[in-house]
Amino acid sequence: MQEVIRGLFRGAKRGVLTSKKGRNFYKGNRTGSMGRHTKHGGYVIDLDKVRTFVVPDMTNCELQPYVSRRTGKFKVDPPTSNLFSKAE
């Protein structure tokens, strides 16, 4: 409900687009296409569109990790109801 009010405040004429609304509109997930559809119902993958990640060789790298591997392990107790009760 808060998103709808925020949208109206900004001057939007539409509500929030969810999977329940806009039955004929595909929102998508911003990943892009990796190929194309054929006229026979198949799909052809274009290797120029496929994401590939090139990882450099890091064997002689001078950079250190953010957290030392020698950092000791510690345990955190789960929260209890006493933490959420009102302080009097």
C-alpha atoms as a PDB file:
ATOM      1  CA  MET A   1       0.000   0.000   0.000  1.00  0.00           C
ATOM      2  CA  GLN A   2       2.841   2.345   0.772  1.00  0.00           C
ATOM      3  CA  GLU A   3       4.242   1.996  -2.764  1.00  0.00           C
ATOM      4  CA  VAL A   4       0.893   2.977  -4.272  1.00  0.00           C
ATOM      5  CA  ILE A   5       0.689   6.084  -2.117  1.00  0.00           C
ATOM      6  CA  ARG A   6       4.282   6.965  -2.978  1.00  0.00           C
ATOM      7  CA  GLY A   7       3.478   6.508  -6.686  1.00  0.00           C
ATOM      8  CA  LEU A   8       0.448   8.769  -6.468  1.00  0.00           C
ATOM      9  CA  PHE A   9       2.444  11.385  -4.603  1.00  0.00           C
ATOM     10  CA  ARG A  10       5.008  11.491  -7.397  1.00  0.00           C
ATOM     11  CA  GLY A  11       2.287  11.930  -9.996  1.00  0.00           C
ATOM     12  CA  ALA A  12       2.212   8.391 -11.359  1.00  0.00           C
ATOM     13  CA  LYS A  13      -1.044   7.281 -12.935  1.00  0.00           C
ATOM     14  CA  ARG A  14      -0.313   3.575 -12.569  1.00  0.00           C
ATOM     15  CA  GLY A  15       0.207   1.432  -9.515  1.00  0.00           C
ATOM     16  CA  VAL A  16       3.126  -0.852  -8.814  1.00  0.00           C
ATOM     17  CA  LEU A  17       3.664  -3.466 -11.539  1.00  0.00           C
ATOM     18  CA  THR A  18       3.528  -6.904  -9.960  1.00  0.00           C
ATOM     19  CA  SER A  19       3.031 -10.395 -11.302  1.00  0.00           C
ATOM     20  CA  LYS A  20      -0.639 -10.211 -10.332  1.00  0.00           C
ATOM     21  CA  LYS A  21      -1.346  -7.069 -12.355  1.00  0.00           C
ATOM     22  CA  GLY A  22      -0.807  -6.481 -16.052  1.00  0.00           C
ATOM     23  CA  ARG A  23      -1.700  -9.956 -17.253  1.00  0.00           C
ATOM     24  CA  ASN A  24      -0.636  -9.283 -20.849  1.00  0.00           C
ATOM     25  CA  PHE A  25       2.598  -7.465 -20.008  1.00  0.00           C
ATOM     26  CA  TYR A  26       5.862  -9.315 -19.342  1.00  0.00           C
ATOM     27  CA  LYS A  27       7.982  -7.282 -16.966  1.00  0.00           C
ATOM     28  CA  GLY A  28      11.210  -9.176 -17.627  1.00  0.00           C
ATOM     29  CA  ASN A  29      14.254  -9.462 -15.408  1.00  0.00           C
ATOM     30  CA  ARG A  30      16.804  -7.273 -17.260  1.00  0.00           C
ATOM     31  CA  THR A  31      18.945 -10.179 -18.400  1.00  0.00           C
ATOM     32  CA  GLY A  32      18.726  -9.628 -22.150  1.00  0.00           C
ATOM     33  CA  SER A  33      18.550 -12.235 -24.864  1.00  0.00           C
ATOM     34  CA  MET A  34      21.188 -14.829 -25.709  1.00  0.00           C
ATOM     35  CA  GLY A  35      19.906 -15.618 -29.166  1.00  0.00           C
ATOM     36  CA  ARG A  36      16.824 -15.533 -31.365  1.00  0.00           C
ATOM     37  CA  HIS A  37      13.630 -17.473 -31.951  1.00  0.00           C
ATOM     38  CA  THR A  38      13.246 -19.425 -35.178  1.00  0.00           C
ATOM     39  CA  LYS A  39      10.082 -19.560 -37.276  1.00  0.00           C
ATOM     40  CA  HIS A  40       9.656 -23.242 -36.342  1.00  0.00           C
ATOM     41  CA  GLY A  41       9.444 -22.567 -32.599  1.00  0.00           C
ATOM     42  CA  GLY A  42      13.073 -23.260 -31.735  1.00  0.00           C
ATOM     43  CA  TYR A  43      15.730 -21.033 -30.257  1.00  0.00           C
ATOM     44  CA  VAL A  44      19.212 -20.413 -31.664  1.00  0.00           C
ATOM     45  CA  ILE A  45      21.885 -19.270 -29.212  1.00  0.00           C
ATOM     46  CA  ASP A  46      24.223 -16.583 -30.513  1.00  0.00           C
ATOM     47  CA  LEU A  47      27.621 -17.123 -28.845  1.00  0.00           C
ATOM     48  CA  ASP A  48      28.487 -13.440 -29.282  1.00  0.00           C
ATOM     49  CA  LYS A  49      25.598 -12.560 -26.929  1.00  0.00           C
ATOM     50  CA  VAL A  50      26.403 -15.134 -24.235  1.00  0.00           C
ATOM     51  CA  ARG A  51      28.054 -13.601 -21.167  1.00  0.00           C
ATOM     52  CA  THR A  52      31.539 -14.887 -20.510  1.00  0.00           C
ATOM     53  CA  PHE A  53      33.637 -13.906 -17.515  1.00  0.00           C
ATOM     54  CA  VAL A  54      37.395 -13.716 -17.950  1.00  0.00           C
ATOM     55  CA  VAL A  55      39.202 -14.312 -14.664  1.00  0.00           C
ATOM     56  CA  PRO A  56      42.864 -13.268 -14.571  1.00  0.00           C
ATOM     57  CA  ASP A  57      45.595 -15.472 -13.126  1.00  0.00           C
ATOM     58  CA  MET A  58      46.038 -14.350  -9.497  1.00  0.00           C
ATOM     59  CA  THR A  59      48.936 -16.602  -8.431  1.00  0.00           C
ATOM     60  CA  ASN A  60      51.539 -13.838  -7.938  1.00  0.00           C
ATOM     61  CA  CYS A  61      49.169 -11.070  -6.904  1.00  0.00           C
ATOM     62  CA  GLU A  62      50.321  -8.615  -4.227  1.00  0.00           C
ATOM     63  CA  LEU A  63      46.779  -7.736  -3.117  1.00  0.00           C
ATOM     64  CA  GLN A  64      45.511  -9.186   0.154  1.00  0.00           C
ATOM     65  CA  PRO A  65      41.979 -10.311   1.012  1.00  0.00           C
ATOM     66  CA  TYR A  66      39.660  -7.979   2.915  1.00  0.00           C
ATOM     67  CA  VAL A  67      39.402 -10.406   5.837  1.00  0.00           C
ATOM     68  CA  SER A  68      42.392 -12.346   7.070  1.00  0.00           C
ATOM     69  CA  ARG A  69      42.146 -16.118   6.904  1.00  0.00           C
ATOM     70  CA  ARG A  70      43.485 -16.176  10.490  1.00  0.00           C
ATOM     71  CA  THR A  71      40.418 -14.394  11.838  1.00  0.00           C
ATOM     72  CA  GLY A  72      38.924 -16.384  14.693  1.00  0.00           C
ATOM     73  CA  LYS A  73      35.383 -17.719  14.523  1.00  0.00           C
ATOM     74  CA  PHE A  74      32.790 -16.323  16.900  1.00  0.00           C
ATOM     75  CA  LYS A  75      29.269 -17.308  17.799  1.00  0.00           C
ATOM     76  CA  VAL A  76      26.269 -14.988  18.079  1.00  0.00           C
ATOM     77  CA  ASP A  77      23.344 -16.095  20.206  1.00  0.00           C
ATOM     78  CA  PRO A  78      19.934 -16.000  18.466  1.00  0.00           C
ATOM     79  CA  PRO A  79      17.670 -13.096  19.451  1.00  0.00           C
ATOM     80  CA  THR A  80      15.147 -13.657  22.217  1.00  0.00           C
ATOM     81  CA  SER A  81      11.825 -12.015  23.012  1.00  0.00           C
ATOM     82  CA  ASN A  82      13.503  -9.979  25.781  1.00  0.00           C
ATOM     83  CA  LEU A  83      15.382  -7.973  23.164  1.00  0.00           C
ATOM     84  CA  PHE A  84      12.147  -6.899  21.462  1.00  0.00           C
ATOM     85  CA  SER A  85      10.110  -6.031  24.551  1.00  0.00           C
ATOM     86  CA  LYS A  86       9.588  -2.381  25.419  1.00  0.00           C
ATOM     87  CA  ALA A  87      12.016  -0.929  27.915  1.00  0.00           C
ATOM     88  CA  GLU A  88      10.187   0.409  30.949  1.00  0.00           C
END
